[in-house]
Protein backbone atom coordinates (compact mmCIF):
# COMPACT_ATOMS: atom_id res chain seq x y z
CA UNK A 1 0.43 0.03 0.25
CA UNK A 2 0.91 3.03 -0.32
CA UNK A 3 1.59 4.06 3.12
CA UNK A 4 3.37 0.89 3.78
CA UNK A 5 6.46 0.90 5.21
CA UNK A 6 7.85 -0.89 3.42
CA UNK A 7 7.37 1.97 0.57
CA UNK A 8 10.74 3.66 2.91
CA UNK A 9 13.03 0.93 2.87
CA UNK A 10 14.59 3.01 -0.84
CA UNK A 11 15.67 0.36 -4.21
CA UNK A 12 14.44 2.34 -6.62
CA UNK A 13 16.89 3.59 -9.76
CA UNK A 14 15.26 5.78 -11.96
CA UNK A 15 17.12 7.02 -14.96
CA UNK A 16 16.76 11.25 -13.74
CA UNK A 17 14.85 13.32 -12.44
CA UNK A 18 11.61 14.64 -14.18
CA UNK A 19 10.84 18.48 -13.63
CA UNK A 20 7.25 19.68 -12.84
CA UNK A 21 5.19 22.77 -11.56
CA UNK A 22 4.20 23.97 -9.00
CA UNK A 23 0.71 24.98 -9.30
CA UNK A 24 1.54 28.20 -6.90
CA UNK A 25 4.83 29.69 -7.13
CA UNK A 26 7.69 29.25 -4.42
CA UNK A 27 9.02 32.28 -3.93
CA UNK A 28 12.29 33.48 -2.43
CA UNK A 29 12.15 35.70 0.34
CA UNK A 30 13.95 39.15 0.59
CA UNK A 31 16.86 40.20 2.90
CA UNK A 32 16.96 41.89 5.10
CA UNK A 33 20.49 42.81 8.03
CA UNK A 34 19.89 45.56 10.31
CA UNK A 35 17.00 46.59 12.60
CA UNK A 36 16.59 49.81 10.36
CA UNK A 37 16.20 47.28 7.75
CA UNK A 38 13.43 45.59 9.23
CA UNK A 39 12.19 48.92 10.47
CA UNK A 40 12.10 49.63 6.58
CA UNK A 41 10.47 46.80 5.67
CA UNK A 42 8.03 47.40 7.73
CA UNK A 43 7.12 50.81 6.53
CA UNK A 44 7.32 49.66 3.22
CA UNK A 45 4.16 47.30 4.22
CA UNK A 46 2.48 50.11 5.80
CA UNK A 47 3.02 52.71 2.66
CA UNK A 48 1.20 50.09 0.36
CA UNK A 49 -1.48 49.28 2.81
CA UNK A 50 -2.30 53.15 3.66
CA UNK A 51 -3.95 52.99 6.71
CA UNK A 52 -1.85 49.63 8.65
CA UNK A 53 -0.81 50.43 12.43
CA UNK A 54 1.82 48.64 13.55
CA UNK A 55 -0.44 47.64 15.89
CA UNK A 56 -2.40 45.55 13.72
CA UNK A 57 0.46 43.20 13.55
CA UNK A 58 1.79 40.03 14.33
CA UNK A 59 4.16 37.97 12.84
CA UNK A 60 4.72 34.57 12.78
CA UNK A 61 8.43 33.76 13.83
CA UNK A 62 10.53 30.81 12.56
CA UNK A 63 14.35 29.87 12.77
CA UNK A 64 15.31 30.37 9.80
CA UNK A 65 16.79 26.71 8.67
CA UNK A 66 19.38 25.80 5.53
CA UNK A 67 18.24 23.02 3.76
CA UNK A 68 16.26 22.78 0.55
CA UNK A 69 13.07 23.59 -0.17
CA UNK A 70 10.59 21.03 -0.66
CA UNK A 71 6.52 20.60 -1.97
CA UNK A 72 4.97 18.15 -0.66
CA UNK A 73 1.08 17.23 -2.00
CA UNK A 74 -1.08 15.30 -0.74
CA UNK A 75 -4.35 13.91 -2.01
CA UNK A 76 -7.32 12.83 0.21
CA UNK A 77 -3.83 12.35 2.90
CA UNK A 78 -1.81 10.16 1.33
CA UNK A 79 1.21 11.39 -0.63
CA UNK A 80 0.68 11.74 -4.45
CA UNK A 81 4.55 13.84 -5.03
CA UNK A 82 7.12 15.54 -3.45
CA UNK A 83 8.94 18.05 -5.65
CA UNK A 84 11.79 20.28 -5.33
CA UNK A 85 11.61 24.41 -5.29
CA UNK A 86 14.06 24.07 -8.33
CA UNK A 87 13.23 28.13 -10.01
CA UNK A 88 10.15 28.44 -8.01
CA UNK A 89 8.36 27.74 -10.92
CA UNK A 90 8.68 24.34 -11.58
CA UNK A 91 11.30 21.68 -9.87
CA UNK A 92 11.96 18.42 -10.01
CA UNK A 93 10.11 15.26 -9.06
CA UNK A 94 11.77 13.90 -6.14
CA UNK A 95 8.86 11.51 -4.87
CA UNK A 96 11.06 8.06 -3.86
CA UNK A 97 13.90 9.57 -2.18
CA UNK A 98 11.36 11.22 0.16
CA UNK A 99 9.29 9.01 0.98
CA UNK A 100 12.53 7.75 2.90
CA UNK A 101 12.62 10.52 5.10
CA UNK A 102 11.24 9.04 8.22
CA UNK A 103 9.42 11.86 9.80
CA UNK A 104 7.59 12.47 6.95
CA UNK A 105 4.15 11.49 6.87
CA UNK A 106 3.12 9.36 3.96
CA UNK A 107 -0.95 9.09 4.82
CA UNK A 108 -2.11 12.20 6.75
CA UNK A 109 -3.68 12.13 10.08
CA UNK A 110 -7.31 13.74 10.09
CA UNK A 111 -7.96 16.91 11.85
CA UNK A 112 -10.02 17.39 14.50
CA UNK A 113 -13.50 19.01 14.33
CA UNK A 114 -15.20 19.80 17.77
CA UNK A 115 -18.04 17.65 17.15
CA UNK A 116 -15.32 14.17 17.55
CA UNK A 117 -15.05 13.80 13.78
CA UNK A 118 -12.05 14.17 11.57
CA UNK A 119 -11.35 15.59 7.95
CA UNK A 120 -8.96 15.65 5.92
CA UNK A 121 -8.34 17.58 3.17
CA UNK A 122 -9.20 16.78 -0.20
CA UNK A 123 -5.85 18.57 -1.74
CA UNK A 124 -2.79 19.35 -0.09
CA UNK A 125 0.55 21.03 -0.31
CA UNK A 126 3.24 21.55 2.15
CA UNK A 127 6.44 23.54 1.91
CA UNK A 128 9.14 23.00 3.92
CA UNK A 129 12.57 21.73 3.99
CA UNK A 130 15.14 19.17 3.78
CA UNK A 131 17.92 19.04 6.01
CA UNK A 132 19.60 17.25 8.29
CA UNK A 133 20.22 18.13 12.34
CA UNK A 134 24.38 19.52 13.02
CA UNK A 135 24.98 15.59 15.39
CA UNK A 136 24.02 13.61 12.14
CA UNK A 137 25.24 15.19 9.75
CA UNK A 138 28.74 14.85 11.79
CA UNK A 139 27.73 10.82 12.06
CA UNK A 140 27.18 10.61 7.89
CA UNK A 141 30.56 11.97 7.65
CA UNK A 142 32.37 9.94 10.03
CA UNK A 143 31.64 6.87 8.38
CA UNK A 144 32.05 8.03 4.95
CA UNK A 145 35.42 9.02 6.33
CA UNK A 146 35.80 4.80 7.54
CA UNK A 147 33.58 3.38 3.89
CA UNK A 148 36.25 5.70 1.73
CA UNK A 149 33.06 7.46 0.80
CA UNK A 150 32.85 11.52 -0.15
CA UNK A 151 32.87 14.04 2.95
CA UNK A 152 30.55 16.78 2.58
CA UNK A 153 30.85 19.91 3.16
CA UNK A 154 28.09 20.96 5.26
CA UNK A 155 24.75 19.30 6.26
CA UNK A 156 22.47 21.52 3.35
CA UNK A 157 24.90 19.98 0.37
CA UNK A 158 24.51 16.66 2.45
CA UNK A 159 20.61 16.95 2.32
CA UNK A 160 20.17 18.59 -1.19
CA UNK A 161 22.55 15.90 -2.80
CA UNK A 162 21.17 13.29 -1.18
CA UNK A 163 17.30 13.96 -2.16
CA UNK A 164 18.58 14.37 -5.56
CA UNK A 165 19.97 10.57 -5.57
CA UNK A 166 18.76 8.66 -8.73
CA UNK A 167 19.20 5.70 -6.30
CA UNK A 168 16.61 6.32 -3.16
CA UNK A 169 18.73 3.53 -1.36
CA UNK A 170 21.00 6.15 -1.14
CA UNK A 171 18.94 8.35 0.46
CA UNK A 172 17.31 6.15 2.68
CA UNK A 173 20.84 5.73 4.24
CA UNK A 174 20.68 9.27 4.68
CA UNK A 175 19.89 10.75 8.22
CA UNK A 176 17.40 13.39 6.21
CA UNK A 177 14.37 15.19 8.30
CA UNK A 178 11.72 17.49 6.77
CA UNK A 179 10.66 20.83 8.90
CA UNK A 180 7.35 22.26 7.93
CA UNK A 181 7.06 26.17 7.09
CA UNK A 182 3.72 26.38 5.18
CA UNK A 183 1.39 25.09 2.26
CA UNK A 184 0.69 26.36 -0.93
CA UNK A 185 -3.17 25.36 -2.34
CA UNK A 186 -5.79 23.33 0.09
CA UNK A 187 -8.52 22.50 -0.82
CA UNK A 188 -11.39 21.21 1.68
CA UNK A 189 -14.36 19.13 1.77
CA UNK A 190 -17.68 21.26 1.87
CA UNK A 191 -18.93 23.09 5.24
CA UNK A 192 -14.70 23.09 6.51
CA UNK A 193 -14.38 26.92 8.24
CA UNK A 194 -10.52 28.17 6.52
CA UNK A 195 -7.40 28.94 8.75
CA UNK A 196 -7.45 32.61 9.17
CA UNK A 197 -3.47 32.38 10.46
CA UNK A 198 -0.11 31.60 9.83
CA UNK A 199 -0.17 30.35 12.96
CA UNK A 200 -3.56 28.50 12.69
CA UNK A 201 -1.61 26.88 9.45
CA UNK A 202 1.36 25.54 11.32
CA UNK A 203 -1.06 23.87 14.10
CA UNK A 204 -2.48 22.45 11.65
CA UNK A 205 0.00 20.75 9.86
CA UNK A 206 1.50 19.50 13.36
CA UNK A 207 -1.40 17.66 13.89
CA UNK A 208 -1.59 15.92 10.37
CA UNK A 209 1.74 14.76 11.25
CA UNK A 210 4.51 17.32 10.13
CA UNK A 211 7.50 18.55 12.25
CA UNK A 212 7.45 22.04 12.64
CA UNK A 213 10.56 24.54 13.08
CA UNK A 214 12.17 24.68 17.19
CA UNK A 215 10.97 27.29 19.26
CA UNK A 216 8.44 28.25 16.33
CA UNK A 217 5.84 30.94 17.92
CA UNK A 218 3.97 34.46 17.91
CA UNK A 219 5.66 37.47 18.15
CA UNK A 220 2.69 40.38 18.65
CA UNK A 221 5.10 43.71 17.81
CA UNK A 222 7.54 44.46 15.63
CA UNK A 223 9.43 44.96 19.20
CA UNK A 224 8.89 41.13 20.21
CA UNK A 225 10.25 40.13 16.80
CA UNK A 226 13.44 41.95 17.22
CA UNK A 227 13.95 40.75 21.17
CA UNK A 228 13.19 36.68 19.31
CA UNK A 229 15.56 37.16 16.90
CA UNK A 230 18.37 38.35 19.41
CA UNK A 231 17.35 35.29 21.34
CA UNK A 232 17.64 33.42 18.33
CA UNK A 233 21.00 34.62 17.84
CA UNK A 234 21.94 33.63 20.59
CA UNK A 235 21.51 29.92 20.56
CA UNK A 236 23.05 29.71 16.94
CA UNK A 237 25.66 27.78 18.25
CA UNK A 238 23.67 25.50 20.16
CA UNK A 239 20.94 24.84 17.96
CA UNK A 240 20.24 21.39 16.68
CA UNK A 241 20.24 22.19 12.94
CA UNK A 242 22.57 24.82 10.69
CA UNK A 243 20.86 28.70 10.74
CA UNK A 244 21.62 31.85 8.50
CA UNK A 245 18.92 33.89 10.24
CA UNK A 246 14.99 34.03 11.44
CA UNK A 247 11.83 34.32 8.82
CA UNK A 248 9.09 36.77 10.10
CA UNK A 249 5.83 36.16 8.37
CA UNK A 250 2.70 38.54 8.62
CA UNK A 251 0.34 36.44 10.49
CA UNK A 252 -2.86 37.52 9.55
CA UNK A 253 -3.49 35.52 6.25
CA UNK A 254 -6.03 37.62 5.47
CA UNK A 255 -3.57 40.67 5.49
CA UNK A 256 -0.40 38.55 3.71
CA UNK A 257 -2.97 38.09 0.79
CA UNK A 258 -3.86 42.06 0.59
CA UNK A 259 -0.25 42.57 0.39
CA UNK A 260 1.00 40.27 -1.90
CA UNK A 261 3.74 39.53 -4.31
CA UNK A 262 6.24 41.52 -6.00
CA UNK A 263 8.31 39.80 -9.12
CA UNK A 264 10.09 38.05 -6.42
CA UNK A 265 9.00 37.50 -3.09
CA UNK A 266 6.51 38.14 -0.85
CA UNK A 267 5.26 41.61 0.92
CA UNK A 268 4.30 39.84 4.41
CA UNK A 269 7.43 38.08 4.80
CA UNK A 270 11.30 38.73 5.40
CA UNK A 271 13.95 36.66 6.15
CA UNK A 272 15.90 38.75 9.21
CA UNK A 273 19.76 37.52 8.42
CA UNK A 274 22.45 36.91 10.98
CA UNK A 275 25.77 38.66 10.93
CA UNK A 276 27.99 36.72 8.49
CA UNK A 277 30.21 34.46 10.57
CA UNK A 278 34.03 35.25 10.31
CA UNK A 279 37.02 32.91 11.09
CA UNK A 280 40.89 33.75 11.29
CA UNK A 281 43.39 32.12 8.86
CA UNK A 282 46.63 32.75 7.01
CA UNK A 283 47.20 35.26 3.54
CA UNK A 284 49.05 32.68 2.11
CA UNK A 285 49.40 34.75 -1.17
CA UNK A 286 47.57 36.82 -3.80
CA UNK A 287 47.65 35.88 -7.40
CA UNK A 288 45.74 37.68 -10.30
CA UNK A 289 42.96 36.03 -12.35
CA UNK A 290 42.02 37.69 -15.84
CA UNK A 291 38.76 37.57 -16.57
CA UNK A 292 36.71 37.95 -19.99
CA UNK A 293 37.07 41.82 -20.49
CA UNK A 294 39.88 42.29 -19.16
CA UNK A 295 40.13 43.50 -15.92
CA UNK A 296 42.70 41.82 -13.43
CA UNK A 297 41.46 40.98 -10.12
CA UNK A 298 43.41 40.09 -7.48
CA UNK A 299 41.96 36.78 -5.48
CA UNK A 300 43.48 35.90 -1.65
CA UNK A 301 45.20 32.66 -1.83
CA UNK A 302 44.67 31.86 2.08
CA UNK A 303 44.82 28.28 4.30
CA UNK A 304 41.82 26.36 4.11
CA UNK A 305 39.60 28.07 6.79
CA UNK A 306 35.99 26.00 7.37
CA UNK A 307 33.54 29.26 7.70
CA UNK A 308 30.05 28.46 8.66
CA UNK A 309 30.06 25.09 7.72
CA UNK A 310 32.07 25.97 3.89
CA UNK A 311 35.71 25.61 3.59
CA UNK A 312 37.24 28.52 2.17
CA UNK A 313 40.78 28.66 0.50
CA UNK A 314 39.83 31.35 -2.15
CA UNK A 315 38.71 35.23 -1.82
CA UNK A 316 37.96 38.11 -4.33
CA UNK A 317 40.31 41.02 -2.84
CA UNK A 318 38.19 42.99 -5.69
CA UNK A 319 40.90 45.53 -7.14
CA UNK A 320 44.18 47.50 -5.86
CA UNK A 321 42.38 50.31 -3.83
CA UNK A 322 39.94 47.21 -2.36
CA UNK A 323 43.90 45.86 -0.98
CA UNK A 324 45.11 49.18 -0.48
CA UNK A 325 41.53 50.65 1.88
CA UNK A 326 42.07 46.89 3.88
CA UNK A 327 45.21 47.59 4.33
CA UNK A 328 46.35 43.49 3.54
CA UNK A 329 49.87 42.27 3.91
CA UNK A 330 50.81 38.69 2.23
CA UNK A 331 51.66 36.46 5.08
CA UNK A 332 48.98 38.66 6.99
CA UNK A 333 45.95 36.51 9.78
CA UNK A 334 42.66 38.14 8.32
CA UNK A 335 39.42 37.30 9.24
CA UNK A 336 37.31 35.84 6.83
CA UNK A 337 33.72 35.97 6.06
CA UNK A 338 30.65 34.54 3.77
CA UNK A 339 29.13 37.81 2.06
CA UNK A 340 25.45 36.43 2.77
CA UNK A 341 26.15 33.34 3.81
CA UNK A 342 27.48 32.00 0.18
CA UNK A 343 30.72 34.61 -0.97
CA UNK A 344 33.80 34.66 0.51
CA UNK A 345 35.20 37.56 1.51
CA UNK A 346 38.68 39.16 3.71
CA UNK A 347 37.13 41.83 6.23
CA UNK A 348 40.33 42.88 7.11
CA UNK A 349 43.70 41.70 9.07
CA UNK A 350 44.20 41.12 12.19
CA UNK A 351 47.32 44.18 12.94
CA UNK A 352 48.24 43.05 16.31
CA UNK A 353 49.32 39.35 15.11
CA UNK A 354 52.25 40.91 12.49
CA UNK A 355 55.60 39.59 13.50
CA UNK A 356 57.50 41.52 10.92
CA UNK A 357 57.71 38.85 8.34
CA UNK A 358 54.77 40.23 6.24
CA UNK A 359 54.94 41.87 2.85
CA UNK A 360 53.58 44.09 0.70
CA UNK A 361 51.96 42.91 -2.94
CA UNK A 362 52.85 44.73 -5.85
CA UNK A 363 49.90 44.76 -8.82
CA UNK A 364 51.45 43.17 -11.56
CA UNK A 365 52.38 46.02 -14.88
CA UNK A 366 51.35 43.05 -17.39
CA UNK A 367 48.87 40.56 -17.73
CA UNK A 368 49.83 37.03 -15.88
CA UNK A 369 47.97 34.87 -18.96
CA UNK A 370 49.81 36.21 -22.13
CA UNK A 371 52.45 38.92 -20.54
CA UNK A 372 51.27 41.93 -22.77
CA UNK A 373 51.12 45.02 -20.60
CA UNK A 374 48.77 46.38 -18.98
CA UNK A 375 46.50 50.26 -18.05
CA UNK A 376 44.28 51.48 -15.18
CA UNK A 377 42.52 54.49 -16.65
CA UNK A 378 42.59 57.17 -14.70
CA UNK A 379 39.36 57.56 -12.27
CA UNK A 380 39.47 53.61 -12.34
CA UNK A 381 39.52 50.93 -9.63
CA UNK A 382 40.77 48.05 -12.32
CA UNK A 383 43.87 47.57 -14.43
CA UNK A 384 42.89 45.86 -17.35
CA UNK A 385 44.78 43.63 -20.26
CA UNK A 386 45.11 45.89 -24.18
CA UNK A 387 45.77 41.95 -25.74
CA UNK A 388 42.21 41.53 -27.24
CA UNK A 389 43.55 37.70 -28.08
CA UNK A 390 45.13 37.45 -24.69
CA UNK A 391 43.89 33.26 -24.34
CA UNK A 392 41.85 34.01 -20.25
CA UNK A 393 39.65 36.98 -22.50
CA UNK A 394 38.96 34.12 -24.56
CA UNK A 395 38.53 31.32 -21.80
CA UNK A 396 36.66 33.46 -19.75
CA UNK A 397 34.05 34.98 -22.80
CA UNK A 398 33.73 31.47 -23.86
CA UNK A 399 32.65 30.31 -20.08
CA UNK A 400 30.54 33.44 -20.30
CA UNK A 401 28.78 32.61 -23.47
CA UNK A 402 27.56 28.52 -22.60
CA UNK A 403 26.78 30.02 -18.96
CA UNK A 404 23.29 30.46 -17.06
CA UNK A 405 23.81 34.44 -18.13
CA UNK A 406 24.79 33.80 -21.01
CA UNK A 407 23.03 31.42 -23.64
CA UNK A 408 23.05 28.66 -20.00
CA UNK A 409 24.13 25.82 -22.34
CA UNK A 410 23.20 22.57 -20.19
CA UNK A 411 26.41 20.34 -20.10
CA UNK A 412 29.32 22.55 -20.93
CA UNK A 413 31.00 23.85 -17.80
CA UNK A 414 34.40 25.46 -17.22
CA UNK A 415 36.20 22.54 -17.35
CA UNK A 416 35.15 20.90 -20.30
CA UNK A 417 35.93 24.57 -22.27
CA UNK A 418 39.49 24.63 -20.85
CA UNK A 419 39.67 20.79 -22.64
CA UNK A 420 38.41 21.98 -26.46
CA UNK A 421 41.09 25.64 -26.10
CA UNK A 422 43.72 23.33 -24.95
CA UNK A 423 43.14 20.34 -27.96
CA UNK A 424 42.47 23.79 -30.01
CA UNK A 425 38.61 22.26 -30.98
CA UNK A 426 37.43 25.63 -30.43
CA UNK A 427 38.94 29.63 -30.68
CA UNK A 428 35.53 31.30 -30.29
CA UNK A 429 31.57 30.65 -29.17
CA UNK A 430 30.53 30.16 -32.50
CA UNK A 431 33.25 27.21 -32.82
CA UNK A 432 31.16 25.59 -30.47
CA UNK A 433 28.74 25.02 -32.56
CA UNK A 434 30.97 22.85 -35.27
CA UNK A 435 31.60 20.12 -32.87
CA UNK A 436 30.99 17.03 -33.48
CA UNK A 437 30.78 13.77 -31.15
CA UNK A 438 34.16 12.73 -32.81
CA UNK A 439 36.11 15.76 -31.75
CA UNK A 440 34.79 15.34 -28.16
CA UNK A 441 35.68 11.67 -27.58
CA UNK A 442 39.15 11.40 -26.54
CA UNK A 443 38.87 14.38 -24.20
CA UNK A 444 39.21 13.81 -20.34
CA UNK A 445 36.17 12.07 -19.08
CA UNK A 446 34.24 12.40 -22.08
CA UNK A 447 33.04 8.87 -22.88
CA UNK A 448 30.66 8.02 -25.29
CA UNK A 449 26.88 9.23 -23.48
CA UNK A 450 28.94 12.19 -22.43
CA UNK A 451 30.28 13.22 -25.79
CA UNK A 452 26.09 12.42 -27.23
CA UNK A 453 24.68 14.25 -24.45
CA UNK A 454 26.67 17.01 -25.14
């Protein structure tokens, strides 16, 4: 039967993950990083709905846990399919893998009515995060090391990789959990009153068998939201899951509907992000990268360090002026953080840990790739290679051409582009369209199937 415990064992191997559209778009959230930005967010709601008073607002608060967004669709109480967020409009169907997640119900419990009877929604779309607890992640990596398998960088990567496996037995071995944060569409049999608040929604999904975020609750003022945020920030290290902030949602569902959405995010909810996590490490050297427009970008070569669950060994220093402004020297112990918990950046040096061996970085006067002269225009921060035939510029322009910002060509990445250039199979983007299967079969990691797909 669909809800049998045997369905959680896993073992079905798929050829690929099919795509499917969400019935309602899964939006991302706008971010705020300071108390002033939080107040500005509230004022923006008031400007959108003139007459809305701060005293009318209460907020459902949840820890913002770092996982993979997922939608579970139930019909008459039974799991129909599971869908990753994808681009918000379309996701990947990962039903077989999600069946192996032990705390996710495959059959819903009915909601109790006042007369003692129960009711089950005809259709329910439950949204949430698939993730791993910190202790479960550490135990998984210990097992992987013992087996000689892949060691994961952080819990989110481990969870996302597990859910997107073609072999569901792999997901079944992983300590995955599903934590609900809301719903999409819901259709009830006639006569059931609709939920009126976000709090009622979350109580309802919990009653039907879902886990919700630890510590989630209601704040009745913007000041309470601030206190709740600070309290959660103090629990960041001891919290059982990786956190990168809090989520504040207007509690009244009627107000949520009135506020609606922008092109990319709801107007009634916001992610209140924590300050970036930082770590100290040594700046071993500064190298130069040449981009597709000829700009020379200095890159910090760092002693590898764990920053918020990710090993960081390189970080951009942007340009010569940025290096001077931050005052970093080669050999410095520097503070490193991940901007927005994503992009590594050097904050600055820890000057009291200098021992006199540090040295200043001198920006090169020639391109490290083609050895032609570089030039910096007055008033600009960037040094540029003036050789339009520079191999680095050619390489990076082709990479950009196939990337998401360009034509978004599937199956061709940076490493393959470099192989094609080194083999003198391409010199410009147009050459890509003249490649034949035989041309690329001899390249590294290019077997028959990969060549055909490319």
